[in-house]
Amino acid sequence: IEQQIWSQFDEGDLFFFEAAAHLNDLRPRILGAAGFPDARLTLERLHQRLPLLSRLGNGSFRLHELFREFILERSRSDSVRHLDLVTRLARALERFGDVDGAIAMHMRAEAWDRAIALLTRHGIDRIENGHRADISAALRRFPRQYRDHPVLTGLRGFALSFDGAYAVARREIEAALDGDLSHEMRGALVLQLATLSLNILRPAEALGALRELMINENIRAQLRLNAAALLAVAGSMA
């Protein structure tokens, strides 16, 4: 591959291949958003020249797996360049709604803090919208030293609360709330903790937290409205 293929391309094409190798399916709009504005034309040109780049028929392309592994191995040798490229691709995936792909991209590069930043922005919504298994799988892949990170702990507890594991979920969420969280994540976890209190028929435990959440101007309006509605339910139950 080195002698017969790689050496035949110029520097621009090699960098394009390096970016493409990080994606399973090569979608022109993702590569375009990652800094390759002529991605569609480049893919068409390289497809004509290289049998190892195949067309999938839905506007995207795919590299042959052996060629892809060859490129990725080369890419990892320059850690700074590799991380920069991964970050650009992850941002492009996030921009077009492939949050799970963006998280996986950072995790494959062992950019754990950047993966946590993505989970901070999207983890709660992903769990609520039917992607609980994907988020839980991602949480399990973090190294041991990140296990007690408040964002990961909070998301674990949030996911467990949907499975009916109320005692464990409460413990995890309470531990997360002792740590450094964004306002939005803290609000979502407080609301879920209050919901758990209502589910086990202990509404009085939720009243104070819900009152504070309802008037917290750092929290978006919809979450505060949800807190007000839950406060009314808790008040009537108490």
C-alpha atoms as a PDB file:
ATOM      1  CA  ILE A   1       0.000   0.000   0.000  1.00  0.00           C
ATOM      2  CA  GLU A   2       2.798   2.420   0.904  1.00  0.00           C
ATOM      3  CA  GLN A   3       4.700   1.961  -2.349  1.00  0.00           C
ATOM      4  CA  GLN A   4       1.987   1.236  -4.872  1.00  0.00           C
ATOM      5  CA  ILE A   5      -0.862   3.461  -3.639  1.00  0.00           C
ATOM      6  CA  TRP A   6       0.002   5.974  -0.924  1.00  0.00           C
ATOM      7  CA  SER A   7       3.060   7.395  -2.654  1.00  0.00           C
ATOM      8  CA  GLN A   8       1.040   8.126  -5.823  1.00  0.00           C
ATOM      9  CA  PHE A   9      -1.068  10.906  -4.251  1.00  0.00           C
ATOM     10  CA  ASP A  10      -0.213  14.500  -3.444  1.00  0.00           C
ATOM     11  CA  GLU A  11      -0.256  15.981   0.066  1.00  0.00           C
ATOM     12  CA  GLY A  12      -3.776  17.384  -0.254  1.00  0.00           C
ATOM     13  CA  ASP A  13      -5.263  14.031  -1.240  1.00  0.00           C
ATOM     14  CA  LEU A  14      -3.353  12.256   1.524  1.00  0.00           C
ATOM     15  CA  PHE A  15      -4.778  14.612   4.132  1.00  0.00           C
ATOM     16  CA  PHE A  16      -8.250  14.075   2.692  1.00  0.00           C
ATOM     17  CA  PHE A  17      -7.777  10.299   2.937  1.00  0.00           C
ATOM     18  CA  GLU A  18      -6.626  10.723   6.533  1.00  0.00           C
ATOM     19  CA  ALA A  19      -9.848  12.534   7.418  1.00  0.00           C
ATOM     20  CA  ALA A  20     -11.973  10.058   5.459  1.00  0.00           C
ATOM     21  CA  ALA A  21     -10.452   7.081   7.250  1.00  0.00           C
ATOM     22  CA  HIS A  22     -12.031   8.209  10.535  1.00  0.00           C
ATOM     23  CA  LEU A  23     -15.532   7.814   9.081  1.00  0.00           C
ATOM     24  CA  ASN A  24     -17.300   4.545   8.327  1.00  0.00           C
ATOM     25  CA  ASP A  25     -19.387   6.102   5.571  1.00  0.00           C
ATOM     26  CA  LEU A  26     -17.873   9.019   3.706  1.00  0.00           C
ATOM     27  CA  ARG A  27     -20.623  11.616   3.466  1.00  0.00           C
ATOM     28  CA  PRO A  28     -19.611  14.721   1.525  1.00  0.00           C
ATOM     29  CA  ARG A  29     -21.497  17.107   3.817  1.00  0.00           C
ATOM     30  CA  ILE A  30     -19.667  15.783   6.919  1.00  0.00           C
ATOM     31  CA  LEU A  31     -16.278  16.121   5.252  1.00  0.00           C
ATOM     32  CA  GLY A  32     -17.299  19.527   3.927  1.00  0.00           C
ATOM     33  CA  ALA A  33     -18.222  20.737   7.420  1.00  0.00           C
ATOM     34  CA  ALA A  34     -14.895  19.388   8.697  1.00  0.00           C
ATOM     35  CA  GLY A  35     -12.944  21.705   6.393  1.00  0.00           C
ATOM     36  CA  PHE A  36     -13.046  20.000   2.986  1.00  0.00           C
ATOM     37  CA  PRO A  37     -15.476  22.161   0.971  1.00  0.00           C
ATOM     38  CA  ASP A  38     -14.848  20.253  -2.287  1.00  0.00           C
ATOM     39  CA  ALA A  39     -15.443  16.873  -0.661  1.00  0.00           C
ATOM     40  CA  ARG A  40     -18.025  15.660  -3.179  1.00  0.00           C
ATOM     41  CA  LEU A  41     -15.845  16.416  -6.182  1.00  0.00           C
ATOM     42  CA  THR A  42     -12.791  15.002  -4.434  1.00  0.00           C
ATOM     43  CA  LEU A  43     -14.587  11.748  -3.649  1.00  0.00           C
ATOM     44  CA  GLU A  44     -15.779  11.412  -7.237  1.00  0.00           C
ATOM     45  CA  ARG A  45     -12.267  12.053  -8.571  1.00  0.00           C
ATOM     46  CA  LEU A  46     -10.573   9.647  -6.181  1.00  0.00           C
ATOM     47  CA  HIS A  47     -13.262   7.016  -6.806  1.00  0.00           C
ATOM     48  CA  GLN A  48     -12.381   7.068 -10.505  1.00  0.00           C
ATOM     49  CA  ARG A  49      -8.710   6.669  -9.694  1.00  0.00           C
ATOM     50  CA  LEU A  50      -8.722   4.229  -6.788  1.00  0.00           C
ATOM     51  CA  PRO A  51     -10.689   0.924  -6.613  1.00  0.00           C
ATOM     52  CA  LEU A  52     -10.188   0.920  -2.821  1.00  0.00           C
ATOM     53  CA  LEU A  53     -12.730   3.774  -2.594  1.00  0.00           C
ATOM     54  CA  SER A  54     -16.179   2.422  -3.423  1.00  0.00           C
ATOM     55  CA  ARG A  55     -19.520   4.141  -3.939  1.00  0.00           C
ATOM     56  CA  LEU A  56     -22.388   3.026  -1.686  1.00  0.00           C
ATOM     57  CA  GLY A  57     -25.150   4.297  -3.957  1.00  0.00           C
ATOM     58  CA  ASN A  58     -26.709   6.758  -1.496  1.00  0.00           C
ATOM     59  CA  GLY A  59     -24.351   9.640  -2.188  1.00  0.00           C
ATOM     60  CA  SER A  60     -21.701   8.344   0.192  1.00  0.00           C
ATOM     61  CA  PHE A  61     -18.539   6.314  -0.238  1.00  0.00           C
ATOM     62  CA  ARG A  62     -16.483   3.838   1.764  1.00  0.00           C
ATOM     63  CA  LEU A  63     -12.800   3.010   1.960  1.00  0.00           C
ATOM     64  CA  HIS A  64     -11.650  -0.593   1.791  1.00  0.00           C
ATOM     65  CA  GLU A  65     -11.116  -1.738   5.369  1.00  0.00           C
ATOM     66  CA  LEU A  66      -7.440  -2.679   4.950  1.00  0.00           C
ATOM     67  CA  PHE A  67      -6.672   0.672   3.333  1.00  0.00           C
ATOM     68  CA  ARG A  68      -8.592   2.440   6.091  1.00  0.00           C
ATOM     69  CA  GLU A  69      -6.623   0.644   8.814  1.00  0.00           C
ATOM     70  CA  PHE A  70      -3.375   1.510   7.053  1.00  0.00           C
ATOM     71  CA  ILE A  71      -4.302   5.209   7.034  1.00  0.00           C
ATOM     72  CA  LEU A  72      -5.465   5.240  10.649  1.00  0.00           C
ATOM     73  CA  GLU A  73      -2.223   3.643  11.794  1.00  0.00           C
ATOM     74  CA  ARG A  74      -0.260   6.385  10.050  1.00  0.00           C
ATOM     75  CA  SER A  75      -2.577   9.073  11.449  1.00  0.00           C
ATOM     76  CA  ARG A  76      -2.059   7.992  15.060  1.00  0.00           C
ATOM     77  CA  SER A  77       1.700   8.507  14.770  1.00  0.00           C
ATOM     78  CA  ASP A  78       1.192  12.301  14.929  1.00  0.00           C
ATOM     79  CA  SER A  79      -0.950  12.720  18.047  1.00  0.00           C
ATOM     80  CA  VAL A  80      -1.448  16.499  17.738  1.00  0.00           C
ATOM     81  CA  ARG A  81      -2.539  16.374  14.099  1.00  0.00           C
ATOM     82  CA  HIS A  82      -4.668  13.295  14.822  1.00  0.00           C
ATOM     83  CA  LEU A  83      -6.532  14.977  17.686  1.00  0.00           C
ATOM     84  CA  ASP A  84      -7.116  18.148  15.653  1.00  0.00           C
ATOM     85  CA  LEU A  85      -8.590  16.142  12.786  1.00  0.00           C
ATOM     86  CA  VAL A  86     -10.778  14.053  15.084  1.00  0.00           C
ATOM     87  CA  THR A  87     -12.080  17.219  16.754  1.00  0.00           C
ATOM     88  CA  ARG A  88     -13.010  18.766  13.398  1.00  0.00           C
ATOM     89  CA  LEU A  89     -14.828  15.618  12.301  1.00  0.00           C
ATOM     90  CA  ALA A  90     -16.633  15.256  15.639  1.00  0.00           C
ATOM     91  CA  ARG A  91     -17.869  18.846  15.404  1.00  0.00           C
ATOM     92  CA  ALA A  92     -19.153  18.169  11.901  1.00  0.00           C
ATOM     93  CA  LEU A  93     -20.972  15.024  13.043  1.00  0.00           C
ATOM     94  CA  GLU A  94     -22.510  16.913  15.965  1.00  0.00           C
ATOM     95  CA  ARG A  95     -23.592  19.739  13.674  1.00  0.00           C
ATOM     96  CA  PHE A  96     -25.524  17.317  11.459  1.00  0.00           C
ATOM     97  CA  GLY A  97     -27.140  15.490  14.353  1.00  0.00           C
ATOM     98  CA  ASP A  98     -24.922  12.404  14.627  1.00  0.00           C
ATOM     99  CA  VAL A  99     -24.168  12.903  18.310  1.00  0.00           C
ATOM    100  CA  ASP A 100     -23.429   9.236  18.967  1.00  0.00           C
ATOM    101  CA  GLY A 101     -20.942   9.260  16.103  1.00  0.00           C
ATOM    102  CA  ALA A 102     -19.272  12.383  17.482  1.00  0.00           C
ATOM    103  CA  ILE A 103     -18.960  10.843  20.946  1.00  0.00           C
ATOM    104  CA  ALA A 104     -17.548   7.625  19.484  1.00  0.00           C
ATOM    105  CA  MET A 105     -15.087   9.641  17.410  1.00  0.00           C
ATOM    106  CA  HIS A 106     -13.627  11.307  20.500  1.00  0.00           C
ATOM    107  CA  MET A 107     -13.584   8.062  22.440  1.00  0.00           C
ATOM    108  CA  ARG A 108     -11.684   6.186  19.741  1.00  0.00           C
ATOM    109  CA  ALA A 109      -9.074   8.933  19.938  1.00  0.00           C
ATOM    110  CA  GLU A 110      -9.112   8.638  23.754  1.00  0.00           C
ATOM    111  CA  ALA A 111     -10.049  12.322  23.937  1.00  0.00           C
ATOM    112  CA  TRP A 112     -12.030  11.617  27.085  1.00  0.00           C
ATOM    113  CA  ASP A 113     -12.565  15.215  28.233  1.00  0.00           C
ATOM    114  CA  ARG A 114     -13.950  16.185  24.825  1.00  0.00           C
ATOM    115  CA  ALA A 115     -16.291  13.202  24.913  1.00  0.00           C
ATOM    116  CA  ILE A 116     -17.491  14.357  28.343  1.00  0.00           C
ATOM    117  CA  ALA A 117     -18.148  17.828  26.929  1.00  0.00           C
ATOM    118  CA  LEU A 118     -20.391  16.258  24.277  1.00  0.00           C
ATOM    119  CA  LEU A 119     -22.163  14.151  26.886  1.00  0.00           C
ATOM    120  CA  THR A 120     -22.723  17.279  28.965  1.00  0.00           C
ATOM    121  CA  ARG A 121     -24.495  18.936  26.039  1.00  0.00           C
ATOM    122  CA  HIS A 122     -26.443  15.960  24.729  1.00  0.00           C
ATOM    123  CA  GLY A 123     -26.437  13.063  27.199  1.00  0.00           C
ATOM    124  CA  ILE A 124     -29.716  13.863  28.958  1.00  0.00           C
ATOM    125  CA  ASP A 125     -31.597  14.426  25.692  1.00  0.00           C
ATOM    126  CA  ARG A 126     -30.190  11.225  24.170  1.00  0.00           C
ATOM    127  CA  ILE A 127     -31.370   9.184  27.140  1.00  0.00           C
ATOM    128  CA  GLU A 128     -34.821  10.779  27.104  1.00  0.00           C
ATOM    129  CA  ASN A 129     -35.218  10.271  23.359  1.00  0.00           C
ATOM    130  CA  GLY A 130     -34.658   6.537  23.195  1.00  0.00           C
ATOM    131  CA  HIS A 131     -30.870   6.281  23.013  1.00  0.00           C
ATOM    132  CA  ARG A 132     -30.339   5.133  26.574  1.00  0.00           C
ATOM    133  CA  ALA A 133     -28.477   1.976  25.498  1.00  0.00           C
ATOM    134  CA  ASP A 134     -26.055   3.983  23.338  1.00  0.00           C
ATOM    135  CA  ILE A 135     -25.237   6.416  26.135  1.00  0.00           C
ATOM    136  CA  SER A 136     -24.898   3.632  28.714  1.00  0.00           C
ATOM    137  CA  ALA A 137     -22.513   1.775  26.393  1.00  0.00           C
ATOM    138  CA  ALA A 138     -20.437   4.930  25.959  1.00  0.00           C
ATOM    139  CA  LEU A 139     -20.272   5.470  29.727  1.00  0.00           C
ATOM    140  CA  ARG A 140     -18.885   1.956  30.220  1.00  0.00           C
ATOM    141  CA  ARG A 141     -15.990   2.642  27.864  1.00  0.00           C
ATOM    142  CA  PHE A 142     -14.421   5.403  29.942  1.00  0.00           C
ATOM    143  CA  PRO A 143     -11.233   4.494  31.852  1.00  0.00           C
ATOM    144  CA  ARG A 144     -11.479   3.783  35.554  1.00  0.00           C
ATOM    145  CA  GLN A 145     -10.114   7.200  36.560  1.00  0.00           C
ATOM    146  CA  TYR A 146     -13.186   8.857  35.000  1.00  0.00           C
ATOM    147  CA  ARG A 147     -15.726   6.588  36.671  1.00  0.00           C
ATOM    148  CA  ASP A 148     -16.606   9.088  39.413  1.00  0.00           C
ATOM    149  CA  HIS A 149     -16.727  12.139  37.139  1.00  0.00           C
ATOM    150  CA  PRO A 150     -19.966  13.993  38.021  1.00  0.00           C
ATOM    151  CA  VAL A 151     -21.212  14.109  34.421  1.00  0.00           C
ATOM    152  CA  LEU A 152     -20.764  10.362  33.946  1.00  0.00           C
ATOM    153  CA  THR A 153     -22.170   9.598  37.391  1.00  0.00           C
ATOM    154  CA  GLY A 154     -25.207  11.787  36.754  1.00  0.00           C
ATOM    155  CA  LEU A 155     -25.909  10.220  33.370  1.00  0.00           C
ATOM    156  CA  ARG A 156     -25.577   6.730  34.827  1.00  0.00           C
ATOM    157  CA  GLY A 157     -28.106   7.601  37.500  1.00  0.00           C
ATOM    158  CA  PHE A 158     -30.409   9.278  34.982  1.00  0.00           C
ATOM    159  CA  ALA A 159     -30.333   6.206  32.722  1.00  0.00           C
ATOM    160  CA  LEU A 160     -30.897   3.814  35.649  1.00  0.00           C
ATOM    161  CA  SER A 161     -33.951   5.787  36.758  1.00  0.00           C
ATOM    162  CA  PHE A 162     -35.676   4.775  33.503  1.00  0.00           C
ATOM    163  CA  ASP A 163     -34.968   1.121  34.261  1.00  0.00           C
ATOM    164  CA  GLY A 164     -36.713   1.230  37.627  1.00  0.00           C
ATOM    165  CA  ALA A 165     -33.491   0.961  39.638  1.00  0.00           C
ATOM    166  CA  TYR A 166     -34.638   3.806  41.868  1.00  0.00           C
ATOM    167  CA  ALA A 167     -32.308   3.288  44.841  1.00  0.00           C
ATOM    168  CA  VAL A 168     -29.144   3.068  42.740  1.00  0.00           C
ATOM    169  CA  ALA A 169     -30.310   5.897  40.486  1.00  0.00           C
ATOM    170  CA  ARG A 170     -30.890   8.179  43.484  1.00  0.00           C
ATOM    171  CA  ARG A 171     -27.456   7.399  44.880  1.00  0.00           C
ATOM    172  CA  GLU A 172     -25.736   8.147  41.578  1.00  0.00           C
ATOM    173  CA  ILE A 173     -27.672  11.367  40.938  1.00  0.00           C
ATOM    174  CA  GLU A 174     -27.081  12.645  44.473  1.00  0.00           C
ATOM    175  CA  ALA A 175     -23.348  11.952  44.105  1.00  0.00           C
ATOM    176  CA  ALA A 176     -23.285  13.821  40.783  1.00  0.00           C
ATOM    177  CA  LEU A 177     -25.050  16.849  42.266  1.00  0.00           C
ATOM    178  CA  ASP A 178     -22.158  17.238  44.716  1.00  0.00           C
ATOM    179  CA  GLY A 179     -19.822  17.824  41.772  1.00  0.00           C
ATOM    180  CA  ASP A 180     -19.262  20.469  39.100  1.00  0.00           C
ATOM    181  CA  LEU A 181     -22.101  20.350  36.551  1.00  0.00           C
ATOM    182  CA  SER A 182     -23.534  22.713  33.969  1.00  0.00           C
ATOM    183  CA  HIS A 183     -26.701  24.541  34.994  1.00  0.00           C
ATOM    184  CA  GLU A 184     -28.768  22.581  32.496  1.00  0.00           C
ATOM    185  CA  MET A 185     -27.518  19.176  33.565  1.00  0.00           C
ATOM    186  CA  ARG A 186     -27.898  20.049  37.232  1.00  0.00           C
ATOM    187  CA  GLY A 187     -31.472  21.176  36.614  1.00  0.00           C
ATOM    188  CA  ALA A 188     -32.343  18.008  34.699  1.00  0.00           C
ATOM    189  CA  LEU A 189     -30.884  15.800  37.428  1.00  0.00           C
ATOM    190  CA  VAL A 190     -32.690  17.687  40.209  1.00  0.00           C
ATOM    191  CA  LEU A 191     -35.947  17.283  38.304  1.00  0.00           C
ATOM    192  CA  GLN A 192     -35.333  13.563  37.842  1.00  0.00           C
ATOM    193  CA  LEU A 193     -34.453  13.150  41.511  1.00  0.00           C
ATOM    194  CA  ALA A 194     -37.742  14.823  42.425  1.00  0.00           C
ATOM    195  CA  THR A 195     -39.577  12.500  40.046  1.00  0.00           C
ATOM    196  CA  LEU A 196     -38.001   9.519  41.799  1.00  0.00           C
ATOM    197  CA  SER A 197     -39.217  10.851  45.144  1.00  0.00           C
ATOM    198  CA  LEU A 198     -42.757  10.996  43.791  1.00  0.00           C
ATOM    199  CA  ASN A 199     -42.462   7.493  42.330  1.00  0.00           C
ATOM    200  CA  ILE A 200     -41.650   6.060  45.751  1.00  0.00           C
ATOM    201  CA  LEU A 201     -44.396   8.153  47.389  1.00  0.00           C
ATOM    202  CA  ARG A 202     -42.095  10.496  49.295  1.00  0.00           C
ATOM    203  CA  PRO A 203     -43.198  13.819  47.760  1.00  0.00           C
ATOM    204  CA  ALA A 204     -42.128  15.987  50.726  1.00  0.00           C
ATOM    205  CA  GLU A 205     -38.484  15.287  49.847  1.00  0.00           C
ATOM    206  CA  ALA A 206     -38.934  16.972  46.475  1.00  0.00           C
ATOM    207  CA  LEU A 207     -40.633  20.224  47.492  1.00  0.00           C
ATOM    208  CA  GLY A 208     -37.604  22.331  48.403  1.00  0.00           C
ATOM    209  CA  ALA A 209     -35.516  21.326  45.398  1.00  0.00           C
ATOM    210  CA  LEU A 210     -38.401  21.932  43.006  1.00  0.00           C
ATOM    211  CA  ARG A 211     -39.066  25.396  44.431  1.00  0.00           C
ATOM    212  CA  GLU A 212     -35.412  26.339  43.947  1.00  0.00           C
ATOM    213  CA  LEU A 213     -35.350  24.923  40.443  1.00  0.00           C
ATOM    214  CA  MET A 214     -38.541  26.744  39.454  1.00  0.00           C
ATOM    215  CA  ILE A 215     -37.026  30.173  40.203  1.00  0.00           C
ATOM    216  CA  ASN A 216     -33.491  29.483  38.965  1.00  0.00           C
ATOM    217  CA  GLU A 217     -32.965  31.910  36.077  1.00  0.00           C
ATOM    218  CA  ASN A 218     -29.905  29.999  34.871  1.00  0.00           C
ATOM    219  CA  ILE A 219     -32.168  27.139  33.786  1.00  0.00           C
ATOM    220  CA  ARG A 220     -34.049  27.241  30.491  1.00  0.00           C
ATOM    221  CA  ALA A 221     -37.739  28.078  30.669  1.00  0.00           C
ATOM    222  CA  GLN A 222     -39.092  24.645  29.705  1.00  0.00           C
ATOM    223  CA  LEU A 223     -37.243  22.921  32.514  1.00  0.00           C
ATOM    224  CA  ARG A 224     -38.506  25.507  35.017  1.00  0.00           C
ATOM    225  CA  LEU A 225     -42.078  24.983  33.776  1.00  0.00           C
ATOM    226  CA  ASN A 226     -41.653  21.234  34.231  1.00  0.00           C
ATOM    227  CA  ALA A 227     -40.418  21.881  37.766  1.00  0.00           C
ATOM    228  CA  ALA A 228     -43.479  24.042  38.496  1.00  0.00           C
ATOM    229  CA  ALA A 229     -45.829  21.350  37.224  1.00  0.00           C
ATOM    230  CA  LEU A 230     -44.069  18.672  39.253  1.00  0.00           C
ATOM    231  CA  LEU A 231     -44.137  20.932  42.307  1.00  0.00           C
ATOM    232  CA  ALA A 232     -47.918  21.163  42.028  1.00  0.00           C
ATOM    233  CA  VAL A 233     -48.163  17.371  41.892  1.00  0.00           C
ATOM    234  CA  ALA A 234     -45.771  16.933  44.817  1.00  0.00           C
ATOM    235  CA  GLY A 235     -47.642  19.532  46.844  1.00  0.00           C
ATOM    236  CA  SER A 236     -50.975  17.828  46.329  1.00  0.00           C
ATOM    237  CA  MET A 237     -49.491  14.422  47.182  1.00  0.00           C
ATOM    238  CA  ALA A 238     -47.802  15.775  50.321  1.00  0.00           C
END
